[in-house]
Amino acid sequence: MVIKNLENKIKLVGIICTAFLIGCIIISVSSIWTARTMVTDAQKKVYVLDGNVPILVNRTTMDETLDVEARSHVEMFHHYFFTLAPDDKYIRYTMEKAMYLVDETGLAQYNTLKEKGFYSNILGTSAVFSIFCDSIAFNKEKMEFTYYGRQRIERRSSILMRELVTAGQLKRVPRTDNNPHGLLITNWRTLLNKDIEQKTKINY
């Protein structure tokens, strides 16, 4: 009888120890999971200092901001490529900035214009080129874009407005200081580039 009671007590102690061990394991796993979740959530939060006041901002993935970044990248490239002044150093600077955002198709267009004396003509006529973006259509699935804009060409005696439409694709590349959006324009081509209005300057 004493032996039987002893065996029952040993079994009871075993059951209690096993239950305690399982409980410890469950608590440990839950604690680890909770800690990892909290760390992950904390990593998604970024604080930006406004003077001495920290402001909480949310981090987003590139997929969430792709539409905005793609349009910004395309507009930035066209700004650099088509904003020109009668200054050879400025032209070299803007073209260098533009070439970081496009593949060899952009370089090919630049070389073609250079061989035709386009940039020399800008220096000789003191022309100033400005670009205005009307809209950018972007297909996220195909990573294709179409740029619609107007170019203003101001010369000594006239102001010419041209309609400009270009197209191309985008591919993802590592972000750098010279390519902050992490995108590269490929297969870039001009679909339309025609005069729409010309005004003669009135000189007094």
N, C-alpha and C. Protein backbone atom coordinates (compact mmCIF):
# COMPACT_ATOMS: atom_id res chain seq x y z
N MET A 1 0.83 -1.21 0.00
CA MET A 1 0.00 0.00 0.00
C MET A 1 0.87 1.25 0.00
N VAL A 2 1.92 1.21 0.81
CA VAL A 2 2.85 2.34 0.89
C VAL A 2 3.55 2.54 -0.45
N ILE A 3 3.95 1.41 -1.07
CA ILE A 3 4.63 1.46 -2.37
C ILE A 3 3.72 2.04 -3.43
N LYS A 4 2.45 1.63 -3.39
CA LYS A 4 1.50 2.12 -4.39
C LYS A 4 1.29 3.61 -4.24
N ASN A 5 1.16 4.07 -2.98
CA ASN A 5 1.02 5.51 -2.76
C ASN A 5 2.25 6.28 -3.23
N LEU A 6 3.42 5.69 -3.03
CA LEU A 6 4.67 6.31 -3.46
C LEU A 6 4.73 6.42 -4.97
N GLU A 7 4.29 5.36 -5.66
CA GLU A 7 4.27 5.38 -7.12
C GLU A 7 3.32 6.45 -7.64
N ASN A 8 2.15 6.57 -7.00
CA ASN A 8 1.18 7.59 -7.41
C ASN A 8 1.75 9.00 -7.22
N LYS A 9 2.46 9.18 -6.10
CA LYS A 9 3.06 10.49 -5.84
C LYS A 9 4.14 10.80 -6.87
N ILE A 10 4.93 9.77 -7.23
CA ILE A 10 5.99 9.97 -8.24
C ILE A 10 5.36 10.34 -9.58
N LYS A 11 4.26 9.63 -9.93
CA LYS A 11 3.57 9.93 -11.18
C LYS A 11 3.01 11.36 -11.15
N LEU A 12 2.44 11.74 -9.99
CA LEU A 12 1.88 13.08 -9.86
C LEU A 12 2.96 14.14 -10.01
N VAL A 13 4.10 13.89 -9.35
CA VAL A 13 5.24 14.83 -9.47
C VAL A 13 5.70 14.91 -10.92
N GLY A 14 5.74 13.73 -11.61
CA GLY A 14 6.14 13.71 -13.02
C GLY A 14 5.19 14.52 -13.89
N ILE A 15 3.88 14.33 -13.62
CA ILE A 15 2.86 15.07 -14.40
C ILE A 15 3.01 16.57 -14.15
N ILE A 16 3.19 16.96 -12.90
CA ILE A 16 3.33 18.38 -12.56
C ILE A 16 4.58 18.97 -13.21
N CYS A 17 5.70 18.22 -13.15
CA CYS A 17 6.96 18.71 -13.76
C CYS A 17 6.83 18.85 -15.27
N THR A 18 6.16 17.84 -15.87
CA THR A 18 5.96 17.89 -17.33
C THR A 18 5.09 19.08 -17.71
N ALA A 19 4.01 19.27 -16.95
CA ALA A 19 3.12 20.40 -17.23
C ALA A 19 3.86 21.73 -17.04
N PHE A 20 4.69 21.80 -15.99
CA PHE A 20 5.47 23.02 -15.74
C PHE A 20 6.45 23.28 -16.87
N LEU A 21 7.10 22.20 -17.34
CA LEU A 21 8.07 22.33 -18.43
C LEU A 21 7.38 22.80 -19.71
N ILE A 22 6.24 22.19 -20.02
CA ILE A 22 5.49 22.60 -21.22
C ILE A 22 5.05 24.06 -21.10
N GLY A 23 4.59 24.42 -19.88
CA GLY A 23 4.20 25.82 -19.65
C GLY A 23 5.36 26.77 -19.86
N CYS A 24 6.54 26.41 -19.38
CA CYS A 24 7.74 27.25 -19.57
C CYS A 24 8.09 27.40 -21.04
N ILE A 25 7.98 26.29 -21.78
CA ILE A 25 8.28 26.33 -23.22
C ILE A 25 7.30 27.25 -23.94
N ILE A 26 6.01 27.11 -23.60
CA ILE A 26 4.99 27.95 -24.24
C ILE A 26 5.24 29.42 -23.94
N ILE A 27 5.54 29.72 -22.67
CA ILE A 27 5.80 31.11 -22.28
C ILE A 27 7.04 31.65 -22.99
N SER A 28 8.10 30.82 -23.09
CA SER A 28 9.34 31.25 -23.74
C SER A 28 9.11 31.54 -25.23
N VAL A 29 8.41 30.60 -25.90
CA VAL A 29 8.13 30.79 -27.34
C VAL A 29 7.27 32.03 -27.55
N SER A 30 6.27 32.21 -26.70
CA SER A 30 5.40 33.39 -26.82
C SER A 30 6.19 34.68 -26.60
N SER A 31 7.10 34.66 -25.64
CA SER A 31 7.92 35.84 -25.35
C SER A 31 8.82 36.18 -26.53
N ILE A 32 9.45 35.13 -27.10
CA ILE A 32 10.33 35.34 -28.26
C ILE A 32 9.53 35.90 -29.44
N TRP A 33 8.36 35.31 -29.69
CA TRP A 33 7.51 35.76 -30.80
C TRP A 33 7.06 37.21 -30.61
N THR A 34 6.65 37.53 -29.37
CA THR A 34 6.22 38.90 -29.08
C THR A 34 7.37 39.89 -29.24
N ALA A 35 8.56 39.49 -28.76
CA ALA A 35 9.73 40.38 -28.87
C ALA A 35 10.09 40.63 -30.34
N ARG A 36 10.07 39.56 -31.15
CA ARG A 36 10.39 39.71 -32.57
C ARG A 36 9.37 40.60 -33.27
N THR A 37 8.10 40.42 -32.92
CA THR A 37 7.05 41.25 -33.51
C THR A 37 7.25 42.72 -33.15
N MET A 38 7.60 42.97 -31.89
CA MET A 38 7.82 44.35 -31.44
C MET A 38 9.03 44.97 -32.13
N VAL A 39 10.09 44.19 -32.29
CA VAL A 39 11.29 44.69 -32.98
C VAL A 39 10.98 45.00 -34.43
N THR A 40 10.24 44.10 -35.09
CA THR A 40 9.87 44.32 -36.49
C THR A 40 9.03 45.57 -36.65
N ASP A 41 8.07 45.75 -35.76
CA ASP A 41 7.23 46.96 -35.80
C ASP A 41 8.06 48.21 -35.54
N ALA A 42 9.01 48.09 -34.61
CA ALA A 42 9.85 49.25 -34.29
C ALA A 42 10.73 49.63 -35.47
N GLN A 43 11.21 48.63 -36.23
CA GLN A 43 12.06 48.91 -37.38
C GLN A 43 11.30 49.61 -38.50
N LYS A 44 9.99 49.44 -38.52
CA LYS A 44 9.18 50.10 -39.55
C LYS A 44 8.90 51.56 -39.22
N LYS A 45 9.23 51.95 -37.99
CA LYS A 45 8.97 53.32 -37.57
C LYS A 45 10.28 54.10 -37.59
N VAL A 46 10.20 55.28 -38.15
CA VAL A 46 11.37 56.16 -38.24
C VAL A 46 11.01 57.49 -37.61
N TYR A 47 11.90 58.00 -36.81
CA TYR A 47 11.69 59.30 -36.19
C TYR A 47 12.55 60.34 -36.89
N VAL A 48 11.92 61.44 -37.28
CA VAL A 48 12.62 62.54 -37.93
C VAL A 48 12.59 63.73 -36.98
N LEU A 49 13.74 64.36 -36.81
CA LEU A 49 13.82 65.50 -35.90
C LEU A 49 13.41 66.78 -36.62
N ASP A 50 12.41 67.47 -36.07
CA ASP A 50 12.01 68.78 -36.54
C ASP A 50 12.47 69.77 -35.47
N GLY A 51 13.69 70.28 -35.66
CA GLY A 51 14.32 71.05 -34.59
C GLY A 51 14.74 70.08 -33.50
N ASN A 52 14.12 70.18 -32.34
CA ASN A 52 14.39 69.25 -31.25
C ASN A 52 13.21 68.32 -30.98
N VAL A 53 12.21 68.37 -31.86
CA VAL A 53 11.00 67.58 -31.64
C VAL A 53 11.02 66.34 -32.56
N PRO A 54 11.02 65.13 -31.99
CA PRO A 54 10.98 63.92 -32.83
C PRO A 54 9.57 63.69 -33.37
N ILE A 55 9.49 63.43 -34.69
CA ILE A 55 8.21 63.16 -35.33
C ILE A 55 8.24 61.76 -35.90
N LEU A 56 7.21 60.98 -35.59
CA LEU A 56 7.14 59.59 -36.06
C LEU A 56 6.64 59.56 -37.50
N VAL A 57 7.40 58.89 -38.37
CA VAL A 57 6.97 58.68 -39.76
C VAL A 57 7.02 57.18 -40.04
N ASN A 58 6.23 56.74 -40.98
CA ASN A 58 6.17 55.32 -41.31
C ASN A 58 7.04 55.00 -42.52
N ARG A 59 7.77 53.90 -42.43
CA ARG A 59 8.55 53.44 -43.57
C ARG A 59 7.64 52.72 -44.54
N THR A 60 7.95 52.85 -45.83
CA THR A 60 7.17 52.17 -46.85
C THR A 60 8.12 51.40 -47.76
N THR A 61 7.61 50.37 -48.39
CA THR A 61 8.42 49.60 -49.33
C THR A 61 8.37 50.27 -50.70
N MET A 62 9.29 49.88 -51.57
CA MET A 62 9.34 50.48 -52.90
C MET A 62 8.10 50.12 -53.71
N ASP A 63 7.54 48.93 -53.47
CA ASP A 63 6.33 48.55 -54.19
C ASP A 63 5.18 49.49 -53.88
N GLU A 64 5.13 49.97 -52.65
CA GLU A 64 4.05 50.87 -52.24
C GLU A 64 4.20 52.25 -52.86
N THR A 65 5.43 52.65 -53.14
CA THR A 65 5.67 54.01 -53.66
C THR A 65 6.17 53.99 -55.11
N LEU A 66 6.07 52.86 -55.78
CA LEU A 66 6.64 52.72 -57.13
C LEU A 66 6.06 53.73 -58.11
N ASP A 67 4.74 53.92 -58.09
CA ASP A 67 4.11 54.86 -59.02
C ASP A 67 4.71 56.26 -58.87
N VAL A 68 4.82 56.71 -57.63
CA VAL A 68 5.33 58.06 -57.37
C VAL A 68 6.80 58.17 -57.76
N GLU A 69 7.60 57.16 -57.36
CA GLU A 69 9.02 57.20 -57.65
C GLU A 69 9.30 57.09 -59.14
N ALA A 70 8.51 56.27 -59.86
CA ALA A 70 8.70 56.13 -61.30
C ALA A 70 8.45 57.44 -62.02
N ARG A 71 7.35 58.10 -61.69
CA ARG A 71 7.03 59.38 -62.33
C ARG A 71 8.07 60.45 -61.98
N SER A 72 8.51 60.45 -60.73
CA SER A 72 9.53 61.41 -60.33
C SER A 72 10.84 61.17 -61.06
N HIS A 73 11.21 59.90 -61.23
CA HIS A 73 12.44 59.54 -61.93
C HIS A 73 12.38 59.99 -63.40
N VAL A 74 11.25 59.70 -64.05
CA VAL A 74 11.09 60.07 -65.46
C VAL A 74 11.12 61.59 -65.63
N GLU A 75 10.42 62.29 -64.74
CA GLU A 75 10.39 63.75 -64.84
C GLU A 75 11.77 64.34 -64.58
N MET A 76 12.51 63.78 -63.62
CA MET A 76 13.85 64.27 -63.33
C MET A 76 14.78 64.10 -64.53
N PHE A 77 14.70 62.94 -65.18
CA PHE A 77 15.55 62.70 -66.35
C PHE A 77 15.25 63.71 -67.45
N HIS A 78 13.97 63.90 -67.75
CA HIS A 78 13.60 64.84 -68.82
C HIS A 78 14.00 66.27 -68.47
N HIS A 79 13.92 66.61 -67.20
CA HIS A 79 14.36 67.95 -66.78
C HIS A 79 15.85 68.14 -67.09
N TYR A 80 16.67 67.17 -66.71
CA TYR A 80 18.10 67.28 -66.96
C TYR A 80 18.42 67.26 -68.46
N PHE A 81 17.74 66.40 -69.21
CA PHE A 81 18.09 66.20 -70.61
C PHE A 81 17.63 67.38 -71.48
N PHE A 82 16.49 67.99 -71.15
CA PHE A 82 15.91 69.00 -72.02
C PHE A 82 16.00 70.43 -71.48
N THR A 83 16.55 70.63 -70.30
CA THR A 83 16.77 71.98 -69.79
C THR A 83 18.19 72.38 -70.15
N LEU A 84 18.30 73.32 -71.08
CA LEU A 84 19.60 73.67 -71.63
C LEU A 84 19.79 75.18 -71.63
N ALA A 85 21.04 75.60 -71.50
CA ALA A 85 21.39 77.01 -71.52
C ALA A 85 22.64 77.19 -72.36
N PRO A 86 22.88 78.41 -72.86
CA PRO A 86 24.08 78.65 -73.68
C PRO A 86 25.35 78.68 -72.83
N ASP A 87 25.63 77.56 -72.20
CA ASP A 87 26.79 77.43 -71.32
C ASP A 87 27.27 75.99 -71.43
N ASP A 88 28.43 75.79 -72.03
CA ASP A 88 28.90 74.43 -72.28
C ASP A 88 29.13 73.64 -70.99
N LYS A 89 29.56 74.32 -69.91
CA LYS A 89 29.76 73.62 -68.64
C LYS A 89 28.42 73.17 -68.05
N TYR A 90 27.40 74.02 -68.18
CA TYR A 90 26.08 73.65 -67.67
C TYR A 90 25.50 72.49 -68.47
N ILE A 91 25.69 72.51 -69.79
CA ILE A 91 25.19 71.42 -70.63
C ILE A 91 25.86 70.11 -70.26
N ARG A 92 27.17 70.14 -70.06
CA ARG A 92 27.90 68.92 -69.66
C ARG A 92 27.40 68.43 -68.30
N TYR A 93 27.14 69.36 -67.38
CA TYR A 93 26.66 69.00 -66.04
C TYR A 93 25.30 68.32 -66.11
N THR A 94 24.35 68.93 -66.84
CA THR A 94 23.00 68.35 -66.89
C THR A 94 23.00 67.02 -67.63
N MET A 95 23.81 66.90 -68.67
CA MET A 95 23.87 65.63 -69.42
C MET A 95 24.49 64.52 -68.56
N GLU A 96 25.49 64.89 -67.78
CA GLU A 96 26.10 63.89 -66.88
C GLU A 96 25.09 63.40 -65.86
N LYS A 97 24.30 64.33 -65.31
CA LYS A 97 23.27 63.95 -64.35
C LYS A 97 22.21 63.07 -65.02
N ALA A 98 21.83 63.41 -66.25
CA ALA A 98 20.80 62.66 -66.97
C ALA A 98 21.27 61.24 -67.29
N MET A 99 22.54 61.08 -67.62
CA MET A 99 23.03 59.77 -68.05
C MET A 99 23.05 58.75 -66.91
N TYR A 100 23.02 59.21 -65.67
CA TYR A 100 22.92 58.28 -64.54
C TYR A 100 21.53 57.65 -64.47
N LEU A 101 20.54 58.26 -65.12
CA LEU A 101 19.15 57.84 -64.99
C LEU A 101 18.64 57.05 -66.19
N VAL A 102 19.48 56.85 -67.21
CA VAL A 102 19.05 56.20 -68.45
C VAL A 102 20.14 55.26 -68.94
N ASP A 103 19.75 54.29 -69.75
CA ASP A 103 20.74 53.36 -70.30
C ASP A 103 21.37 53.95 -71.56
N GLU A 104 21.97 53.10 -72.39
CA GLU A 104 22.69 53.58 -73.56
C GLU A 104 21.81 54.25 -74.61
N THR A 105 20.49 54.05 -74.54
CA THR A 105 19.61 54.70 -75.51
C THR A 105 19.60 56.22 -75.30
N GLY A 106 19.75 56.66 -74.08
CA GLY A 106 19.85 58.10 -73.81
C GLY A 106 21.17 58.65 -74.30
N LEU A 107 22.25 57.91 -74.09
CA LEU A 107 23.56 58.33 -74.56
C LEU A 107 23.59 58.40 -76.08
N ALA A 108 22.90 57.46 -76.74
CA ALA A 108 22.86 57.45 -78.20
C ALA A 108 22.17 58.71 -78.73
N GLN A 109 21.07 59.12 -78.09
CA GLN A 109 20.38 60.34 -78.52
C GLN A 109 21.25 61.57 -78.28
N TYR A 110 21.94 61.59 -77.17
CA TYR A 110 22.83 62.72 -76.86
C TYR A 110 23.95 62.81 -77.92
N ASN A 111 24.57 61.69 -78.24
CA ASN A 111 25.65 61.68 -79.23
C ASN A 111 25.16 62.09 -80.61
N THR A 112 23.95 61.66 -80.97
CA THR A 112 23.38 62.04 -82.27
C THR A 112 23.18 63.55 -82.34
N LEU A 113 22.61 64.13 -81.30
CA LEU A 113 22.39 65.59 -81.26
C LEU A 113 23.73 66.33 -81.28
N LYS A 114 24.70 65.80 -80.59
CA LYS A 114 26.01 66.44 -80.53
C LYS A 114 26.68 66.43 -81.90
N GLU A 115 26.60 65.29 -82.61
CA GLU A 115 27.20 65.17 -83.93
C GLU A 115 26.53 66.11 -84.95
N LYS A 116 25.24 66.36 -84.75
CA LYS A 116 24.51 67.27 -85.65
C LYS A 116 24.75 68.74 -85.32
N GLY A 117 25.53 69.01 -84.29
CA GLY A 117 25.84 70.38 -83.93
C GLY A 117 24.75 71.07 -83.13
N PHE A 118 23.86 70.28 -82.52
CA PHE A 118 22.73 70.84 -81.78
C PHE A 118 23.20 71.70 -80.61
N TYR A 119 24.13 71.20 -79.83
CA TYR A 119 24.60 71.92 -78.65
C TYR A 119 25.47 73.12 -79.04
N SER A 120 26.23 72.99 -80.10
CA SER A 120 27.01 74.14 -80.59
C SER A 120 26.10 75.25 -81.06
N ASN A 121 24.96 74.88 -81.64
CA ASN A 121 23.99 75.86 -82.11
C ASN A 121 23.37 76.62 -80.93
N ILE A 122 23.15 75.91 -79.82
CA ILE A 122 22.62 76.58 -78.62
C ILE A 122 23.59 77.65 -78.14
N LEU A 123 24.88 77.32 -78.13
CA LEU A 123 25.89 78.29 -77.70
C LEU A 123 25.97 79.46 -78.67
N GLY A 124 25.85 79.17 -79.98
CA GLY A 124 25.97 80.22 -80.99
C GLY A 124 24.78 81.16 -81.04
N THR A 125 23.59 80.65 -80.73
CA THR A 125 22.37 81.48 -80.82
C THR A 125 21.89 81.97 -79.46
N SER A 126 22.59 81.60 -78.40
CA SER A 126 22.21 81.97 -77.02
C SER A 126 20.78 81.53 -76.70
N ALA A 127 20.41 80.35 -77.16
CA ALA A 127 19.07 79.82 -76.92
C ALA A 127 18.97 79.23 -75.52
N VAL A 128 17.78 79.36 -74.94
CA VAL A 128 17.51 78.79 -73.62
C VAL A 128 16.35 77.82 -73.75
N PHE A 129 16.56 76.55 -73.35
CA PHE A 129 15.55 75.50 -73.46
C PHE A 129 14.99 75.18 -72.07
N SER A 130 13.66 75.16 -71.98
CA SER A 130 12.99 74.76 -70.74
C SER A 130 11.98 73.67 -71.06
N ILE A 131 11.72 72.79 -70.09
CA ILE A 131 10.78 71.69 -70.30
C ILE A 131 9.67 71.76 -69.25
N PHE A 132 8.44 71.52 -69.67
CA PHE A 132 7.29 71.52 -68.78
C PHE A 132 6.57 70.18 -68.92
N CYS A 133 6.44 69.48 -67.82
CA CYS A 133 5.77 68.17 -67.84
C CYS A 133 4.26 68.35 -67.73
N ASP A 134 3.52 67.82 -68.70
CA ASP A 134 2.06 67.85 -68.64
C ASP A 134 1.53 66.63 -67.89
N SER A 135 2.03 65.44 -68.23
CA SER A 135 1.60 64.22 -67.54
C SER A 135 2.56 63.09 -67.87
N ILE A 136 2.52 62.06 -67.04
CA ILE A 136 3.31 60.85 -67.25
C ILE A 136 2.41 59.65 -67.03
N ALA A 137 2.22 58.86 -68.07
CA ALA A 137 1.44 57.63 -67.94
C ALA A 137 2.40 56.49 -67.61
N PHE A 138 2.09 55.73 -66.54
CA PHE A 138 2.98 54.66 -66.11
C PHE A 138 2.20 53.38 -65.91
N ASN A 139 2.65 52.32 -66.55
CA ASN A 139 2.06 50.99 -66.41
C ASN A 139 2.94 50.19 -65.45
N LYS A 140 2.43 49.98 -64.24
CA LYS A 140 3.23 49.33 -63.20
C LYS A 140 3.54 47.88 -63.53
N GLU A 141 2.60 47.18 -64.16
CA GLU A 141 2.81 45.76 -64.46
C GLU A 141 3.89 45.57 -65.52
N LYS A 142 3.85 46.40 -66.57
CA LYS A 142 4.83 46.27 -67.67
C LYS A 142 6.05 47.15 -67.45
N MET A 143 6.00 48.01 -66.42
CA MET A 143 7.09 48.95 -66.13
C MET A 143 7.38 49.83 -67.36
N GLU A 144 6.32 50.30 -68.01
CA GLU A 144 6.43 51.16 -69.19
C GLU A 144 5.88 52.55 -68.87
N PHE A 145 6.44 53.57 -69.51
CA PHE A 145 5.95 54.93 -69.30
C PHE A 145 5.86 55.68 -70.62
N THR A 146 4.99 56.69 -70.62
CA THR A 146 4.91 57.64 -71.72
C THR A 146 4.90 59.04 -71.11
N TYR A 147 5.83 59.86 -71.57
CA TYR A 147 5.98 61.22 -71.04
C TYR A 147 5.38 62.22 -72.01
N TYR A 148 4.52 63.10 -71.50
CA TYR A 148 3.91 64.16 -72.30
C TYR A 148 4.36 65.50 -71.75
N GLY A 149 4.97 66.31 -72.60
CA GLY A 149 5.44 67.60 -72.13
C GLY A 149 5.52 68.63 -73.23
N ARG A 150 5.91 69.84 -72.84
CA ARG A 150 6.10 70.94 -73.78
C ARG A 150 7.48 71.54 -73.53
N GLN A 151 8.15 71.86 -74.62
CA GLN A 151 9.47 72.46 -74.52
C GLN A 151 9.41 73.91 -75.01
N ARG A 152 9.97 74.80 -74.23
CA ARG A 152 10.03 76.22 -74.57
C ARG A 152 11.44 76.56 -75.01
N ILE A 153 11.57 77.12 -76.21
CA ILE A 153 12.87 77.49 -76.75
C ILE A 153 12.88 78.99 -76.98
N GLU A 154 13.66 79.66 -76.17
CA GLU A 154 13.74 81.12 -76.28
C GLU A 154 15.05 81.52 -76.95
N ARG A 155 14.89 82.23 -78.08
CA ARG A 155 16.04 82.77 -78.80
C ARG A 155 16.00 84.29 -78.74
N ARG A 156 16.96 84.94 -79.37
CA ARG A 156 17.02 86.40 -79.30
C ARG A 156 15.77 87.05 -79.87
N SER A 157 15.23 86.49 -80.95
CA SER A 157 14.13 87.15 -81.64
C SER A 157 12.80 86.44 -81.55
N SER A 158 12.77 85.22 -80.96
CA SER A 158 11.51 84.48 -80.95
C SER A 158 11.45 83.50 -79.78
N ILE A 159 10.21 83.08 -79.50
CA ILE A 159 9.96 82.03 -78.50
C ILE A 159 9.16 80.93 -79.17
N LEU A 160 9.69 79.73 -79.14
CA LEU A 160 9.06 78.59 -79.80
C LEU A 160 8.59 77.58 -78.76
N MET A 161 7.37 77.10 -78.91
CA MET A 161 6.85 76.03 -78.06
C MET A 161 6.74 74.76 -78.89
N ARG A 162 7.23 73.67 -78.33
CA ARG A 162 7.19 72.38 -79.03
C ARG A 162 6.47 71.35 -78.16
N GLU A 163 5.74 70.46 -78.80
CA GLU A 163 5.10 69.35 -78.09
C GLU A 163 6.06 68.16 -78.10
N LEU A 164 6.22 67.55 -76.95
CA LEU A 164 7.18 66.45 -76.81
C LEU A 164 6.52 65.24 -76.17
N VAL A 165 6.66 64.09 -76.82
CA VAL A 165 6.16 62.82 -76.26
C VAL A 165 7.28 61.80 -76.39
N THR A 166 7.66 61.20 -75.28
CA THR A 166 8.67 60.14 -75.30
C THR A 166 8.13 58.91 -74.57
N ALA A 167 8.80 57.79 -74.75
CA ALA A 167 8.37 56.54 -74.11
C ALA A 167 9.58 55.69 -73.78
N GLY A 168 9.36 54.71 -72.91
CA GLY A 168 10.44 53.80 -72.54
C GLY A 168 9.98 52.85 -71.45
N GLN A 169 10.92 52.08 -70.95
CA GLN A 169 10.66 51.17 -69.84
C GLN A 169 11.53 51.56 -68.65
N LEU A 170 11.19 51.01 -67.51
CA LEU A 170 11.97 51.23 -66.30
C LEU A 170 12.40 49.89 -65.73
N LYS A 171 13.60 49.83 -65.21
CA LYS A 171 14.03 48.63 -64.49
C LYS A 171 14.67 49.06 -63.18
N ARG A 172 14.60 48.19 -62.19
CA ARG A 172 15.11 48.51 -60.87
C ARG A 172 16.61 48.26 -60.80
N VAL A 173 17.31 49.19 -60.18
CA VAL A 173 18.75 49.08 -59.96
C VAL A 173 19.02 49.56 -58.52
N PRO A 174 20.21 49.30 -57.99
CA PRO A 174 20.50 49.78 -56.64
C PRO A 174 20.44 51.31 -56.56
N ARG A 175 19.96 51.81 -55.43
CA ARG A 175 19.91 53.26 -55.22
C ARG A 175 21.32 53.80 -54.96
N THR A 176 21.59 54.96 -55.54
CA THR A 176 22.86 55.64 -55.31
C THR A 176 22.58 57.13 -55.16
N ASP A 177 23.62 57.89 -54.82
CA ASP A 177 23.46 59.34 -54.70
C ASP A 177 23.06 59.95 -56.04
N ASN A 178 23.55 59.37 -57.13
CA ASN A 178 23.23 59.90 -58.46
C ASN A 178 21.94 59.33 -59.02
N ASN A 179 21.44 58.27 -58.41
CA ASN A 179 20.18 57.66 -58.85
C ASN A 179 19.36 57.31 -57.60
N PRO A 180 18.78 58.32 -56.96
CA PRO A 180 18.12 58.11 -55.66
C PRO A 180 16.86 57.26 -55.73
N HIS A 181 16.22 57.14 -56.91
CA HIS A 181 15.00 56.35 -57.00
C HIS A 181 15.27 54.86 -57.24
N GLY A 182 16.50 54.51 -57.57
CA GLY A 182 16.80 53.11 -57.83
C GLY A 182 16.12 52.57 -59.07
N LEU A 183 15.98 53.41 -60.10
CA LEU A 183 15.35 53.01 -61.36
C LEU A 183 16.24 53.45 -62.51
N LEU A 184 16.12 52.74 -63.64
CA LEU A 184 16.89 53.08 -64.83
C LEU A 184 15.96 53.05 -66.04
N ILE A 185 15.97 54.13 -66.82
CA ILE A 185 15.16 54.19 -68.04
C ILE A 185 15.85 53.38 -69.12
N THR A 186 15.10 52.50 -69.77
CA THR A 186 15.62 51.68 -70.86
C THR A 186 14.76 51.86 -72.10
N ASN A 187 15.36 51.56 -73.25
CA ASN A 187 14.65 51.64 -74.53
C ASN A 187 13.93 52.98 -74.69
N TRP A 188 14.63 54.06 -74.36
CA TRP A 188 14.04 55.39 -74.42
C TRP A 188 14.01 55.90 -75.85
N ARG A 189 12.88 56.46 -76.25
CA ARG A 189 12.73 56.94 -77.63
C ARG A 189 11.76 58.12 -77.66
N THR A 190 11.90 58.95 -78.67
CA THR A 190 11.02 60.09 -78.87
C THR A 190 9.92 59.71 -79.85
N LEU A 191 8.68 59.86 -79.42
CA LEU A 191 7.53 59.53 -80.28
C LEU A 191 7.03 60.75 -81.05
N LEU A 192 7.14 61.93 -80.45
CA LEU A 192 6.64 63.14 -81.09
C LEU A 192 7.45 64.33 -80.61
N ASN A 193 7.84 65.19 -81.55
CA ASN A 193 8.56 66.41 -81.22
C ASN A 193 8.28 67.43 -82.32
N LYS A 194 7.20 68.19 -82.14
CA LYS A 194 6.77 69.10 -83.20
C LYS A 194 6.47 70.49 -82.66
N ASP A 195 6.59 71.49 -83.54
CA ASP A 195 6.29 72.87 -83.17
C ASP A 195 4.79 73.05 -83.01
N ILE A 196 4.39 73.78 -81.97
CA ILE A 196 2.96 74.05 -81.78
C ILE A 196 2.67 75.56 -81.75
N GLU A 197 3.66 76.38 -81.44
CA GLU A 197 3.44 77.82 -81.40
C GLU A 197 4.77 78.56 -81.47
N GLN A 198 4.78 79.65 -82.20
CA GLN A 198 5.98 80.48 -82.27
C GLN A 198 5.59 81.96 -82.18
N LYS A 199 6.28 82.68 -81.30
CA LYS A 199 5.99 84.10 -81.14
C LYS A 199 7.27 84.88 -81.40
N THR A 200 7.09 86.00 -82.06
CA THR A 200 8.20 86.89 -82.32
C THR A 200 8.34 87.88 -81.18
N LYS A 201 9.55 88.04 -80.68
CA LYS A 201 9.78 88.99 -79.61
C LYS A 201 9.68 90.42 -80.13
N ILE A 202 9.14 91.28 -79.32
CA ILE A 202 9.07 92.71 -79.66
C ILE A 202 10.18 93.42 -78.91
N ASN A 203 11.12 93.94 -79.64
CA ASN A 203 12.25 94.63 -79.04
C ASN A 203 12.04 96.13 -79.10
N TYR A 204 12.15 96.78 -77.96
CA TYR A 204 11.97 98.23 -77.90
C TYR A 204 13.32 98.92 -77.85
